[in-house]
């Protein structure tokens, strides 16, 4: 969705993160060097893995109490240890800020934006964030000790960090879109996310680029 906004001329990866956030938001800099959007999508922003004001009461649903106010206030608690762009540290915090920023720049909530620009064009008819389509049954996850557990909850505009629910058919359509097999406007933006932006480690836009048997493979993992 960020690449789609850039493609539409509504921003650039060289924009500062601060310029996509509400005026007055305290965003850390390092000796006058700001965090750029390209630093966020390559996890070289310098922001820590989690916001200081997460408000988690347990590990079973750690993001349930986090809202945009607490997320943005957490930016003011950070002191960068190095210039943005110089060190890799995976940051869910930075990704949640970006998720919020993308929705704000688009002028809508993240779920509406994802539905209109990504899910519907690709035919991901059962994908959602917090507004579950009729007829969708949620699979039951399990912890390592085999006990049933509910999915984590995210505020809608922070859900770009991992709050999208989708069926297997939806994810097949997503992969087909990423491979350029589905002729829709968002396919160009999806292809742009695969282009290398940094080298240590090799990263596209939130995609890790890994060499496997002479090919470059797009990778992303998570808990």
N, C-alpha and C. Protein backbone atom coordinates (compact mmCIF):
# COMPACT_ATOMS: atom_id res chain seq x y z
N UNK A 1 0.83 -1.21 0.00
CA UNK A 1 0.00 0.00 0.00
C UNK A 1 0.87 1.26 0.00
N UNK A 2 2.00 1.20 0.68
CA UNK A 2 2.94 2.32 0.62
C UNK A 2 3.45 2.50 -0.81
N UNK A 3 3.87 1.41 -1.43
CA UNK A 3 4.36 1.49 -2.81
C UNK A 3 3.29 2.02 -3.74
N UNK A 4 2.05 1.69 -3.48
CA UNK A 4 0.93 2.17 -4.29
C UNK A 4 0.79 3.68 -4.15
N UNK A 5 0.92 4.20 -2.94
CA UNK A 5 0.85 5.65 -2.73
C UNK A 5 2.00 6.35 -3.44
N UNK A 6 3.20 5.75 -3.36
CA UNK A 6 4.36 6.33 -4.06
C UNK A 6 4.11 6.33 -5.56
N UNK A 7 3.57 5.25 -6.09
CA UNK A 7 3.28 5.14 -7.52
C UNK A 7 2.28 6.21 -7.96
N UNK A 8 1.35 6.55 -7.07
CA UNK A 8 0.36 7.58 -7.38
C UNK A 8 0.91 9.00 -7.23
N UNK A 9 2.16 9.13 -6.81
CA UNK A 9 2.74 10.45 -6.62
C UNK A 9 2.36 11.11 -5.32
N UNK A 10 1.91 10.32 -4.35
CA UNK A 10 1.46 10.87 -3.07
C UNK A 10 2.54 10.82 -2.01
N UNK A 11 3.75 10.51 -2.42
CA UNK A 11 4.86 10.48 -1.48
C UNK A 11 6.06 9.81 -2.11
N UNK A 12 7.13 9.72 -1.31
CA UNK A 12 8.39 9.15 -1.78
C UNK A 12 9.03 8.39 -0.62
N UNK A 13 9.81 7.37 -0.95
CA UNK A 13 10.54 6.65 0.10
C UNK A 13 11.58 7.54 0.77
N UNK A 14 11.91 8.66 0.13
CA UNK A 14 12.86 9.59 0.74
C UNK A 14 12.18 10.66 1.57
N UNK A 15 10.85 10.56 1.74
CA UNK A 15 10.16 11.44 2.69
C UNK A 15 10.56 11.04 4.11
N UNK A 16 10.58 12.02 4.99
CA UNK A 16 10.81 11.70 6.39
C UNK A 16 9.57 11.04 6.97
N UNK A 17 9.78 10.15 7.92
CA UNK A 17 8.64 9.54 8.61
C UNK A 17 7.79 10.61 9.27
N UNK A 18 8.43 11.60 9.83
CA UNK A 18 7.70 12.67 10.53
C UNK A 18 6.71 13.39 9.63
N UNK A 19 7.05 13.52 8.34
CA UNK A 19 6.19 14.27 7.42
C UNK A 19 4.90 13.52 7.11
N UNK A 20 4.83 12.25 7.44
CA UNK A 20 3.63 11.45 7.22
C UNK A 20 2.80 11.30 8.50
N UNK A 21 3.24 11.93 9.57
CA UNK A 21 2.57 11.81 10.86
C UNK A 21 1.94 13.15 11.25
N UNK A 22 1.04 13.17 12.23
CA UNK A 22 0.39 14.42 12.62
C UNK A 22 1.40 15.48 13.05
N UNK A 23 1.16 16.74 12.71
CA UNK A 23 2.05 17.82 13.14
C UNK A 23 2.23 17.80 14.65
N UNK A 24 3.47 18.01 15.07
CA UNK A 24 3.77 18.03 16.50
C UNK A 24 4.19 16.69 17.06
N UNK A 25 4.09 15.62 16.26
CA UNK A 25 4.54 14.30 16.72
C UNK A 25 6.06 14.33 16.90
N UNK A 26 6.53 13.93 18.07
CA UNK A 26 7.96 13.91 18.33
C UNK A 26 8.57 12.64 17.75
N UNK A 27 9.34 12.80 16.69
CA UNK A 27 9.99 11.66 16.03
C UNK A 27 11.49 11.81 16.22
N UNK A 28 12.18 10.79 16.72
CA UNK A 28 13.61 10.94 17.02
C UNK A 28 14.44 11.12 15.75
N UNK A 29 15.52 11.87 15.90
CA UNK A 29 16.54 12.02 14.86
C UNK A 29 17.89 11.68 15.48
N UNK A 30 18.89 11.49 14.63
CA UNK A 30 20.25 11.26 15.12
C UNK A 30 21.15 12.36 14.57
N UNK A 31 21.55 13.26 15.44
CA UNK A 31 22.41 14.37 15.04
C UNK A 31 21.86 15.08 13.80
N UNK A 32 20.56 15.33 13.83
CA UNK A 32 19.91 16.05 12.74
C UNK A 32 19.52 15.20 11.55
N UNK A 33 19.82 13.90 11.59
CA UNK A 33 19.48 13.01 10.47
C UNK A 33 18.14 12.33 10.77
N UNK A 34 17.12 12.58 9.94
CA UNK A 34 15.79 12.04 10.23
C UNK A 34 15.63 10.59 9.77
N UNK A 35 14.64 9.94 10.32
CA UNK A 35 14.22 8.63 9.83
C UNK A 35 13.42 8.83 8.55
N UNK A 36 13.82 8.18 7.47
CA UNK A 36 13.10 8.23 6.21
C UNK A 36 12.23 6.97 6.06
N UNK A 37 11.25 7.04 5.18
CA UNK A 37 10.39 5.87 4.96
C UNK A 37 11.20 4.67 4.48
N UNK A 38 12.23 4.90 3.68
CA UNK A 38 13.06 3.78 3.21
C UNK A 38 13.76 3.09 4.38
N UNK A 39 14.07 3.83 5.43
CA UNK A 39 14.68 3.21 6.61
C UNK A 39 13.67 2.33 7.34
N UNK A 40 12.42 2.75 7.36
CA UNK A 40 11.39 1.97 8.04
C UNK A 40 11.18 0.64 7.33
N UNK A 41 11.05 0.65 6.00
CA UNK A 41 10.74 -0.59 5.28
C UNK A 41 11.94 -1.52 5.15
N UNK A 42 13.14 -1.04 5.46
CA UNK A 42 14.31 -1.92 5.48
C UNK A 42 14.76 -2.23 6.91
N UNK A 43 13.98 -1.81 7.89
CA UNK A 43 14.26 -2.05 9.31
C UNK A 43 15.63 -1.52 9.72
N UNK A 44 15.93 -0.33 9.21
CA UNK A 44 17.16 0.36 9.61
C UNK A 44 16.83 1.73 10.21
N UNK A 45 15.62 1.87 10.74
CA UNK A 45 15.19 3.16 11.30
C UNK A 45 15.89 3.48 12.61
N UNK A 46 16.32 2.45 13.33
CA UNK A 46 16.89 2.66 14.66
C UNK A 46 15.85 2.58 15.75
N UNK A 47 14.56 2.47 15.38
CA UNK A 47 13.53 2.31 16.40
C UNK A 47 13.60 0.90 16.99
N UNK A 48 13.32 0.74 18.27
CA UNK A 48 13.41 -0.58 18.91
C UNK A 48 12.31 -1.51 18.42
N UNK A 49 12.41 -2.80 18.76
CA UNK A 49 11.41 -3.76 18.28
C UNK A 49 9.98 -3.45 18.70
N UNK A 50 9.80 -2.92 19.92
CA UNK A 50 8.45 -2.68 20.44
C UNK A 50 8.34 -1.27 21.02
N UNK A 51 7.14 -0.68 20.97
CA UNK A 51 6.96 0.65 21.56
C UNK A 51 7.01 0.60 23.08
N UNK A 52 7.51 1.67 23.67
CA UNK A 52 7.66 1.72 25.13
C UNK A 52 6.31 1.71 25.84
N UNK A 53 5.26 2.17 25.18
CA UNK A 53 3.94 2.27 25.82
C UNK A 53 3.00 1.20 25.27
N UNK A 54 3.52 0.01 25.10
CA UNK A 54 2.76 -1.11 24.54
C UNK A 54 1.53 -1.44 25.39
N UNK A 55 1.70 -1.37 26.70
CA UNK A 55 0.57 -1.62 27.60
C UNK A 55 0.13 -3.07 27.65
N UNK A 56 1.03 -3.99 27.34
CA UNK A 56 0.67 -5.41 27.33
C UNK A 56 0.45 -5.91 28.75
N UNK A 57 -0.59 -6.69 28.93
CA UNK A 57 -0.86 -7.32 30.22
C UNK A 57 -0.53 -8.81 30.19
N UNK A 58 -0.12 -9.31 29.04
CA UNK A 58 0.27 -10.71 28.90
C UNK A 58 0.73 -10.98 27.49
N UNK A 59 1.38 -12.11 27.28
CA UNK A 59 1.92 -12.46 25.97
C UNK A 59 0.88 -13.10 25.07
N UNK A 60 -0.30 -13.42 25.61
CA UNK A 60 -1.32 -14.08 24.80
C UNK A 60 -1.96 -13.13 23.80
N UNK A 61 -1.91 -11.81 24.08
CA UNK A 61 -2.49 -10.82 23.16
C UNK A 61 -1.77 -9.49 23.40
N UNK A 62 -0.49 -9.40 23.07
CA UNK A 62 0.35 -8.28 23.53
C UNK A 62 -0.01 -6.92 22.97
N UNK A 63 -0.67 -6.85 21.79
CA UNK A 63 -0.94 -5.56 21.17
C UNK A 63 -2.37 -5.06 21.40
N UNK A 64 -3.14 -5.81 22.18
CA UNK A 64 -4.57 -5.52 22.31
C UNK A 64 -4.87 -4.15 22.90
N UNK A 65 -4.00 -3.65 23.78
CA UNK A 65 -4.25 -2.38 24.45
C UNK A 65 -3.57 -1.19 23.79
N UNK A 66 -2.86 -1.42 22.70
CA UNK A 66 -2.11 -0.35 22.06
C UNK A 66 -2.99 0.42 21.08
N UNK A 67 -3.05 1.74 21.23
CA UNK A 67 -3.77 2.57 20.27
C UNK A 67 -2.80 3.55 19.64
N UNK A 68 -3.30 4.33 18.69
CA UNK A 68 -2.43 5.24 17.94
C UNK A 68 -1.79 6.28 18.85
N UNK A 69 -2.53 6.77 19.83
CA UNK A 69 -1.97 7.77 20.74
C UNK A 69 -0.76 7.26 21.48
N UNK A 70 -0.86 6.06 22.04
CA UNK A 70 0.26 5.48 22.77
C UNK A 70 1.42 5.14 21.84
N UNK A 71 1.09 4.69 20.64
CA UNK A 71 2.13 4.37 19.67
C UNK A 71 2.95 5.60 19.31
N UNK A 72 2.26 6.69 18.97
CA UNK A 72 2.98 7.91 18.58
C UNK A 72 3.72 8.52 19.76
N UNK A 73 3.13 8.44 20.95
CA UNK A 73 3.82 8.96 22.13
C UNK A 73 5.10 8.19 22.41
N UNK A 74 5.11 6.91 22.06
CA UNK A 74 6.31 6.09 22.27
C UNK A 74 7.49 6.57 21.43
N UNK A 75 7.20 7.22 20.29
CA UNK A 75 8.29 7.77 19.47
C UNK A 75 9.10 8.79 20.25
N UNK A 76 8.41 9.57 21.08
CA UNK A 76 9.09 10.60 21.86
C UNK A 76 9.97 10.03 22.96
N UNK A 77 9.82 8.75 23.28
CA UNK A 77 10.63 8.12 24.32
C UNK A 77 11.95 7.56 23.78
N UNK A 78 12.13 7.59 22.45
CA UNK A 78 13.27 6.92 21.83
C UNK A 78 14.44 7.88 21.64
N UNK A 79 15.63 7.41 21.95
CA UNK A 79 16.87 8.09 21.60
C UNK A 79 17.64 7.17 20.65
N UNK A 80 17.83 7.61 19.42
CA UNK A 80 18.53 6.78 18.44
C UNK A 80 20.00 6.64 18.81
N UNK A 81 20.52 5.43 18.64
CA UNK A 81 21.91 5.16 18.98
C UNK A 81 22.85 5.29 17.77
N UNK A 82 22.27 5.38 16.59
CA UNK A 82 23.08 5.49 15.37
C UNK A 82 22.24 6.19 14.31
N UNK A 83 22.88 6.61 13.25
CA UNK A 83 22.17 7.29 12.17
C UNK A 83 21.21 6.31 11.49
N UNK A 84 20.00 6.74 11.18
CA UNK A 84 19.08 5.88 10.44
C UNK A 84 19.72 5.41 9.13
N UNK A 85 19.49 4.15 8.80
CA UNK A 85 20.05 3.59 7.58
C UNK A 85 21.36 2.87 7.77
N UNK A 86 21.90 2.89 8.98
CA UNK A 86 23.24 2.31 9.18
C UNK A 86 23.23 0.96 9.90
N UNK A 87 22.14 0.61 10.57
CA UNK A 87 22.12 -0.64 11.34
C UNK A 87 20.76 -1.31 11.21
N UNK A 88 20.75 -2.62 11.02
CA UNK A 88 19.52 -3.38 10.89
C UNK A 88 19.04 -3.85 12.26
N UNK A 89 17.79 -3.58 12.57
CA UNK A 89 17.13 -4.16 13.75
C UNK A 89 15.64 -4.26 13.44
N UNK A 90 15.15 -5.48 13.40
CA UNK A 90 13.74 -5.67 13.03
C UNK A 90 12.84 -4.99 14.05
N UNK A 91 11.89 -4.21 13.55
CA UNK A 91 11.07 -3.38 14.45
C UNK A 91 9.60 -3.47 14.10
N UNK A 92 8.83 -4.19 14.92
CA UNK A 92 7.38 -4.14 14.80
C UNK A 92 6.88 -2.73 15.11
N UNK A 93 7.53 -2.05 16.02
CA UNK A 93 7.19 -0.68 16.37
C UNK A 93 7.19 0.20 15.12
N UNK A 94 8.29 0.19 14.38
CA UNK A 94 8.39 1.01 13.18
C UNK A 94 7.33 0.64 12.15
N UNK A 95 7.06 -0.66 12.02
CA UNK A 95 6.07 -1.11 11.05
C UNK A 95 4.66 -0.65 11.43
N UNK A 96 4.36 -0.63 12.72
CA UNK A 96 3.05 -0.13 13.15
C UNK A 96 2.92 1.37 12.90
N UNK A 97 3.99 2.11 13.13
CA UNK A 97 3.96 3.54 12.83
C UNK A 97 3.74 3.76 11.34
N UNK A 98 4.42 2.96 10.51
CA UNK A 98 4.24 3.08 9.06
C UNK A 98 2.80 2.74 8.66
N UNK A 99 2.26 1.70 9.27
CA UNK A 99 0.88 1.31 8.98
C UNK A 99 -0.06 2.48 9.25
N UNK A 100 0.10 3.11 10.38
CA UNK A 100 -0.72 4.27 10.74
C UNK A 100 -0.48 5.41 9.74
N UNK A 101 0.80 5.63 9.38
CA UNK A 101 1.14 6.74 8.49
C UNK A 101 0.55 6.54 7.10
N UNK A 102 0.56 5.31 6.60
CA UNK A 102 0.01 5.01 5.28
C UNK A 102 -1.48 5.29 5.25
N UNK A 103 -2.19 4.85 6.28
CA UNK A 103 -3.63 5.11 6.34
C UNK A 103 -3.91 6.61 6.39
N UNK A 104 -3.11 7.30 7.19
CA UNK A 104 -3.31 8.76 7.31
C UNK A 104 -3.05 9.45 5.98
N UNK A 105 -2.00 9.08 5.27
CA UNK A 105 -1.68 9.72 4.00
C UNK A 105 -2.77 9.42 2.96
N UNK A 106 -3.36 8.22 3.04
CA UNK A 106 -4.41 7.84 2.10
C UNK A 106 -5.75 8.49 2.43
N UNK A 107 -5.88 9.01 3.65
CA UNK A 107 -7.11 9.69 4.04
C UNK A 107 -8.25 8.77 4.39
N UNK A 108 -7.92 7.55 4.85
CA UNK A 108 -8.96 6.59 5.23
C UNK A 108 -8.38 5.67 6.28
N UNK A 109 -9.15 4.68 6.73
CA UNK A 109 -8.59 3.70 7.66
C UNK A 109 -7.91 2.58 6.87
N UNK A 110 -7.04 1.86 7.53
CA UNK A 110 -6.22 0.86 6.84
C UNK A 110 -7.07 -0.25 6.24
N UNK A 111 -8.14 -0.64 6.93
CA UNK A 111 -8.96 -1.73 6.41
C UNK A 111 -9.66 -1.33 5.12
N UNK A 112 -10.21 -0.13 5.09
CA UNK A 112 -10.86 0.36 3.86
C UNK A 112 -9.85 0.46 2.73
N UNK A 113 -8.67 0.99 3.04
CA UNK A 113 -7.62 1.13 2.03
C UNK A 113 -7.21 -0.23 1.48
N UNK A 114 -6.96 -1.18 2.37
CA UNK A 114 -6.55 -2.52 1.93
C UNK A 114 -7.65 -3.19 1.11
N UNK A 115 -8.89 -3.03 1.54
CA UNK A 115 -10.00 -3.63 0.81
C UNK A 115 -10.10 -3.06 -0.60
N UNK A 116 -10.03 -1.72 -0.72
CA UNK A 116 -10.25 -1.08 -2.01
C UNK A 116 -9.07 -1.25 -2.96
N UNK A 117 -7.85 -1.16 -2.45
CA UNK A 117 -6.67 -1.14 -3.31
C UNK A 117 -6.02 -2.50 -3.50
N UNK A 118 -6.21 -3.42 -2.52
CA UNK A 118 -5.48 -4.68 -2.55
C UNK A 118 -6.40 -5.89 -2.58
N UNK A 119 -7.23 -6.04 -1.55
CA UNK A 119 -8.03 -7.26 -1.44
C UNK A 119 -9.01 -7.42 -2.61
N UNK A 120 -9.85 -6.42 -2.82
CA UNK A 120 -10.90 -6.55 -3.85
C UNK A 120 -10.32 -6.72 -5.26
N UNK A 121 -9.33 -5.90 -5.68
CA UNK A 121 -8.80 -6.09 -7.02
C UNK A 121 -8.18 -7.47 -7.25
N UNK A 122 -7.55 -8.04 -6.22
CA UNK A 122 -6.91 -9.35 -6.36
C UNK A 122 -7.89 -10.50 -6.19
N UNK A 123 -9.11 -10.19 -5.79
CA UNK A 123 -10.06 -11.27 -5.55
C UNK A 123 -9.87 -11.95 -4.21
N UNK A 124 -9.26 -11.24 -3.25
CA UNK A 124 -9.09 -11.76 -1.89
C UNK A 124 -10.37 -11.46 -1.11
N UNK A 125 -11.41 -12.18 -1.44
CA UNK A 125 -12.76 -11.82 -0.98
C UNK A 125 -13.01 -12.08 0.49
N UNK A 126 -12.17 -12.86 1.12
CA UNK A 126 -12.39 -13.18 2.53
C UNK A 126 -11.31 -12.60 3.43
N UNK A 127 -10.43 -11.76 2.90
CA UNK A 127 -9.37 -11.14 3.70
C UNK A 127 -9.94 -9.93 4.45
N UNK A 128 -9.45 -9.73 5.66
CA UNK A 128 -9.96 -8.61 6.47
C UNK A 128 -8.99 -8.32 7.61
N UNK A 129 -9.24 -7.21 8.29
CA UNK A 129 -8.48 -6.85 9.50
C UNK A 129 -9.38 -7.04 10.72
N UNK A 130 -10.35 -6.17 10.88
CA UNK A 130 -11.27 -6.29 12.01
C UNK A 130 -12.73 -6.42 11.60
N UNK A 131 -13.03 -6.24 10.30
CA UNK A 131 -14.41 -6.36 9.83
C UNK A 131 -14.54 -7.68 9.05
N UNK A 132 -14.86 -8.74 9.75
CA UNK A 132 -14.89 -10.08 9.16
C UNK A 132 -16.06 -10.22 8.19
N UNK A 133 -15.81 -10.63 6.95
CA UNK A 133 -16.90 -10.84 5.99
C UNK A 133 -17.82 -11.97 6.44
N UNK A 134 -19.06 -11.89 6.04
CA UNK A 134 -20.02 -12.94 6.36
C UNK A 134 -19.56 -14.28 5.81
N UNK A 135 -19.75 -15.32 6.59
CA UNK A 135 -19.43 -16.66 6.13
C UNK A 135 -18.00 -17.10 6.36
N UNK A 136 -17.16 -16.21 6.89
CA UNK A 136 -15.76 -16.57 7.14
C UNK A 136 -15.64 -17.23 8.52
N UNK A 137 -15.07 -18.41 8.56
CA UNK A 137 -14.84 -19.12 9.82
C UNK A 137 -13.37 -18.99 10.19
N UNK A 138 -13.10 -18.56 11.41
CA UNK A 138 -11.73 -18.34 11.85
C UNK A 138 -11.12 -19.65 12.33
N UNK A 139 -9.98 -19.99 11.78
CA UNK A 139 -9.28 -21.19 12.23
C UNK A 139 -8.77 -20.99 13.65
N UNK A 140 -8.69 -22.06 14.40
CA UNK A 140 -8.21 -22.00 15.78
C UNK A 140 -6.71 -22.30 15.80
N UNK A 141 -5.94 -21.36 16.31
CA UNK A 141 -4.50 -21.58 16.46
C UNK A 141 -4.20 -22.31 17.77
N UNK A 142 -2.97 -22.78 17.90
CA UNK A 142 -2.56 -23.49 19.10
C UNK A 142 -1.16 -23.07 19.52
N UNK A 143 -0.94 -23.03 20.82
CA UNK A 143 0.38 -22.73 21.37
C UNK A 143 1.24 -23.99 21.30
N UNK A 144 2.56 -23.88 21.57
CA UNK A 144 3.42 -25.07 21.50
C UNK A 144 2.99 -26.21 22.42
N UNK A 145 2.24 -25.89 23.48
CA UNK A 145 1.78 -26.96 24.38
C UNK A 145 0.42 -27.52 23.96
N UNK A 146 0.00 -27.20 22.70
CA UNK A 146 -1.20 -27.75 22.08
C UNK A 146 -2.50 -27.19 22.63
N UNK A 147 -2.44 -26.08 23.33
CA UNK A 147 -3.67 -25.46 23.84
C UNK A 147 -4.21 -24.47 22.80
N UNK A 148 -5.54 -24.45 22.60
CA UNK A 148 -6.12 -23.48 21.67
C UNK A 148 -5.83 -22.05 22.11
N UNK A 149 -5.61 -21.16 21.14
CA UNK A 149 -5.35 -19.75 21.46
C UNK A 149 -5.98 -18.86 20.41
N UNK A 150 -6.45 -17.70 20.83
CA UNK A 150 -7.09 -16.76 19.91
C UNK A 150 -6.03 -15.96 19.17
N UNK A 151 -6.38 -15.41 17.98
CA UNK A 151 -5.42 -14.56 17.26
C UNK A 151 -5.19 -13.25 18.00
N UNK A 152 -4.03 -12.66 17.81
CA UNK A 152 -3.75 -11.36 18.40
C UNK A 152 -4.67 -10.30 17.79
N UNK A 153 -4.96 -9.29 18.58
CA UNK A 153 -5.82 -8.18 18.15
C UNK A 153 -4.97 -6.93 17.93
N UNK A 154 -5.29 -6.21 16.86
CA UNK A 154 -4.58 -4.97 16.55
C UNK A 154 -5.60 -3.87 16.27
N UNK A 155 -5.33 -2.67 16.73
CA UNK A 155 -6.11 -1.52 16.28
C UNK A 155 -6.00 -1.45 14.76
N UNK A 156 -7.08 -1.11 14.09
CA UNK A 156 -7.14 -1.22 12.62
C UNK A 156 -5.97 -0.53 11.93
N UNK A 157 -5.66 0.70 12.30
CA UNK A 157 -4.62 1.44 11.58
C UNK A 157 -3.21 1.01 11.95
N UNK A 158 -3.07 0.12 12.93
CA UNK A 158 -1.76 -0.39 13.31
C UNK A 158 -1.54 -1.80 12.79
N UNK A 159 -2.51 -2.34 12.06
CA UNK A 159 -2.54 -3.76 11.75
C UNK A 159 -1.64 -4.17 10.60
N UNK A 160 -0.98 -3.24 9.94
CA UNK A 160 -0.06 -3.60 8.86
C UNK A 160 1.12 -4.42 9.34
N UNK A 161 1.32 -4.49 10.64
CA UNK A 161 2.42 -5.26 11.20
C UNK A 161 2.12 -6.76 11.26
N UNK A 162 0.88 -7.15 11.02
CA UNK A 162 0.56 -8.57 11.04
C UNK A 162 -0.86 -8.86 11.47
N UNK A 163 -1.76 -7.91 11.26
CA UNK A 163 -3.12 -8.07 11.71
C UNK A 163 -4.12 -8.43 10.63
N UNK A 164 -3.64 -8.82 9.46
CA UNK A 164 -4.55 -9.21 8.39
C UNK A 164 -4.88 -10.69 8.51
N UNK A 165 -6.17 -11.01 8.42
CA UNK A 165 -6.64 -12.39 8.39
C UNK A 165 -6.97 -12.73 6.95
N UNK A 166 -6.65 -13.95 6.52
CA UNK A 166 -6.93 -14.33 5.14
C UNK A 166 -7.06 -15.84 5.03
N UNK A 167 -7.85 -16.29 4.07
CA UNK A 167 -7.94 -17.72 3.79
C UNK A 167 -6.77 -18.14 2.92
N UNK A 168 -6.60 -19.44 2.78
CA UNK A 168 -5.54 -19.94 1.91
C UNK A 168 -5.77 -19.48 0.46
N UNK A 169 -7.03 -19.51 0.01
CA UNK A 169 -7.34 -19.04 -1.34
C UNK A 169 -6.95 -17.58 -1.51
N UNK A 170 -7.20 -16.76 -0.48
CA UNK A 170 -6.81 -15.36 -0.53
C UNK A 170 -5.30 -15.22 -0.69
N UNK A 171 -4.56 -16.04 0.05
CA UNK A 171 -3.10 -15.92 0.01
C UNK A 171 -2.54 -16.41 -1.32
N UNK A 172 -3.20 -17.39 -1.94
CA UNK A 172 -2.81 -17.81 -3.29
C UNK A 172 -2.98 -16.64 -4.25
N UNK A 173 -4.08 -15.91 -4.14
CA UNK A 173 -4.31 -14.75 -5.00
C UNK A 173 -3.25 -13.68 -4.73
N UNK A 174 -2.87 -13.51 -3.47
CA UNK A 174 -1.83 -12.53 -3.13
C UNK A 174 -0.50 -12.90 -3.80
N UNK A 175 -0.13 -14.16 -3.72
CA UNK A 175 1.12 -14.62 -4.35
C UNK A 175 1.04 -14.43 -5.86
N UNK A 176 -0.10 -14.77 -6.45
CA UNK A 176 -0.26 -14.60 -7.89
C UNK A 176 -0.13 -13.13 -8.28
N UNK A 177 -0.69 -12.24 -7.46
CA UNK A 177 -0.54 -10.81 -7.71
C UNK A 177 0.92 -10.38 -7.64
N UNK A 178 1.64 -10.90 -6.63
CA UNK A 178 3.05 -10.57 -6.49
C UNK A 178 3.90 -11.08 -7.63
N UNK A 179 3.48 -12.18 -8.24
CA UNK A 179 4.21 -12.74 -9.38
C UNK A 179 3.81 -12.07 -10.70
N UNK A 180 2.82 -11.16 -10.63
CA UNK A 180 2.37 -10.49 -11.84
C UNK A 180 1.44 -11.32 -12.69
N UNK A 181 0.84 -12.36 -12.12
CA UNK A 181 -0.05 -13.23 -12.87
C UNK A 181 -1.48 -12.69 -12.94
N UNK A 182 -1.79 -11.68 -12.13
CA UNK A 182 -3.12 -11.07 -12.13
C UNK A 182 -2.97 -9.63 -12.60
N UNK A 183 -3.68 -9.27 -13.63
CA UNK A 183 -3.54 -7.94 -14.24
C UNK A 183 -4.43 -6.93 -13.52
N UNK A 184 -3.88 -6.36 -12.45
CA UNK A 184 -4.59 -5.33 -11.69
C UNK A 184 -3.60 -4.20 -11.39
N UNK A 185 -4.11 -2.97 -11.15
CA UNK A 185 -3.21 -1.83 -10.92
C UNK A 185 -2.22 -2.04 -9.77
N UNK A 186 -2.63 -2.75 -8.71
CA UNK A 186 -1.76 -2.90 -7.55
C UNK A 186 -0.55 -3.79 -7.84
N UNK A 187 -0.59 -4.56 -8.93
CA UNK A 187 0.49 -5.49 -9.24
C UNK A 187 1.82 -4.75 -9.44
N UNK A 188 1.77 -3.56 -10.04
CA UNK A 188 3.00 -2.79 -10.23
C UNK A 188 3.60 -2.38 -8.89
N UNK A 189 2.75 -1.96 -7.97
CA UNK A 189 3.23 -1.58 -6.65
C UNK A 189 3.80 -2.79 -5.91
N UNK A 190 3.14 -3.95 -6.07
CA UNK A 190 3.65 -5.16 -5.43
C UNK A 190 5.04 -5.51 -5.97
N UNK A 191 5.23 -5.36 -7.27
CA UNK A 191 6.54 -5.63 -7.86
C UNK A 191 7.61 -4.67 -7.32
N UNK A 192 7.22 -3.44 -7.09
CA UNK A 192 8.18 -2.46 -6.56
C UNK A 192 8.68 -2.84 -5.17
N UNK A 193 7.83 -3.53 -4.40
CA UNK A 193 8.27 -3.91 -3.05
C UNK A 193 9.37 -4.95 -3.08
N UNK A 194 9.56 -5.61 -4.23
CA UNK A 194 10.58 -6.66 -4.36
C UNK A 194 11.95 -6.09 -4.71
N UNK A 195 12.01 -4.84 -5.12
CA UNK A 195 13.28 -4.26 -5.57
C UNK A 195 14.21 -4.00 -4.38
N UNK A 196 15.47 -4.30 -4.55
CA UNK A 196 16.44 -4.16 -3.45
C UNK A 196 16.63 -2.69 -3.06
N UNK A 197 16.51 -2.44 -1.76
CA UNK A 197 16.72 -1.09 -1.23
C UNK A 197 17.93 -1.00 -0.31
N UNK A 198 18.33 -2.13 0.26
CA UNK A 198 19.50 -2.14 1.15
C UNK A 198 20.20 -3.49 1.01
N UNK A 199 21.43 -3.56 1.52
CA UNK A 199 22.24 -4.75 1.28
C UNK A 199 22.70 -5.48 2.53
N UNK A 200 22.49 -4.92 3.71
CA UNK A 200 23.00 -5.58 4.92
C UNK A 200 21.94 -5.64 6.00
N UNK A 201 21.07 -6.65 5.96
CA UNK A 201 20.93 -7.71 4.96
C UNK A 201 20.18 -7.21 3.73
N UNK A 202 20.20 -7.97 2.64
CA UNK A 202 19.47 -7.55 1.44
C UNK A 202 17.97 -7.44 1.74
N UNK A 203 17.41 -6.26 1.46
CA UNK A 203 16.00 -6.02 1.76
C UNK A 203 15.33 -5.27 0.62
N UNK A 204 14.09 -5.67 0.31
CA UNK A 204 13.19 -4.84 -0.48
C UNK A 204 12.37 -4.02 0.49
N UNK A 205 11.09 -3.81 0.18
CA UNK A 205 10.20 -3.12 1.11
C UNK A 205 9.57 -4.16 2.04
N UNK A 206 10.20 -4.36 3.18
CA UNK A 206 9.78 -5.35 4.17
C UNK A 206 9.98 -6.79 3.72
N UNK A 207 10.44 -7.02 2.51
CA UNK A 207 10.80 -8.35 2.04
C UNK A 207 12.30 -8.58 2.27
N UNK A 208 12.66 -9.70 2.83
CA UNK A 208 14.05 -10.11 2.89
C UNK A 208 14.38 -10.84 1.59
N UNK A 209 15.54 -10.57 1.03
CA UNK A 209 15.96 -11.15 -0.25
C UNK A 209 17.07 -12.16 0.03
N UNK A 210 16.76 -13.45 -0.18
CA UNK A 210 17.70 -14.50 0.18
C UNK A 210 18.15 -15.29 -1.04
N UNK A 211 19.47 -15.55 -1.17
CA UNK A 211 19.95 -16.38 -2.27
C UNK A 211 19.69 -17.86 -1.98
N UNK A 212 19.02 -18.55 -2.90
CA UNK A 212 18.73 -19.97 -2.74
C UNK A 212 18.96 -20.66 -4.09
N UNK A 213 19.95 -21.52 -4.14
CA UNK A 213 20.23 -22.33 -5.34
C UNK A 213 20.34 -21.47 -6.59
N UNK A 214 21.06 -20.37 -6.47
CA UNK A 214 21.29 -19.52 -7.63
C UNK A 214 20.16 -18.56 -7.95
N UNK A 215 19.12 -18.55 -7.13
CA UNK A 215 18.01 -17.62 -7.34
C UNK A 215 17.89 -16.69 -6.14
N UNK A 216 17.20 -15.58 -6.32
CA UNK A 216 16.90 -14.69 -5.21
C UNK A 216 15.44 -14.90 -4.82
N UNK A 217 15.24 -15.28 -3.57
CA UNK A 217 13.91 -15.63 -3.08
C UNK A 217 13.42 -14.57 -2.09
N UNK A 218 12.15 -14.23 -2.21
CA UNK A 218 11.53 -13.29 -1.29
C UNK A 218 11.10 -14.03 -0.04
N UNK A 219 11.50 -13.50 1.12
CA UNK A 219 11.28 -14.21 2.38
C UNK A 219 10.66 -13.26 3.40
N UNK A 220 9.72 -13.77 4.17
CA UNK A 220 9.32 -13.10 5.42
C UNK A 220 8.85 -14.14 6.39
N UNK A 221 9.27 -14.01 7.64
CA UNK A 221 8.93 -14.98 8.65
C UNK A 221 8.24 -14.27 9.80
N UNK A 222 7.83 -15.02 10.80
CA UNK A 222 7.19 -14.38 11.94
C UNK A 222 6.58 -15.42 12.87
N UNK A 223 6.21 -14.96 14.05
CA UNK A 223 5.65 -15.85 15.05
C UNK A 223 4.14 -15.96 14.90
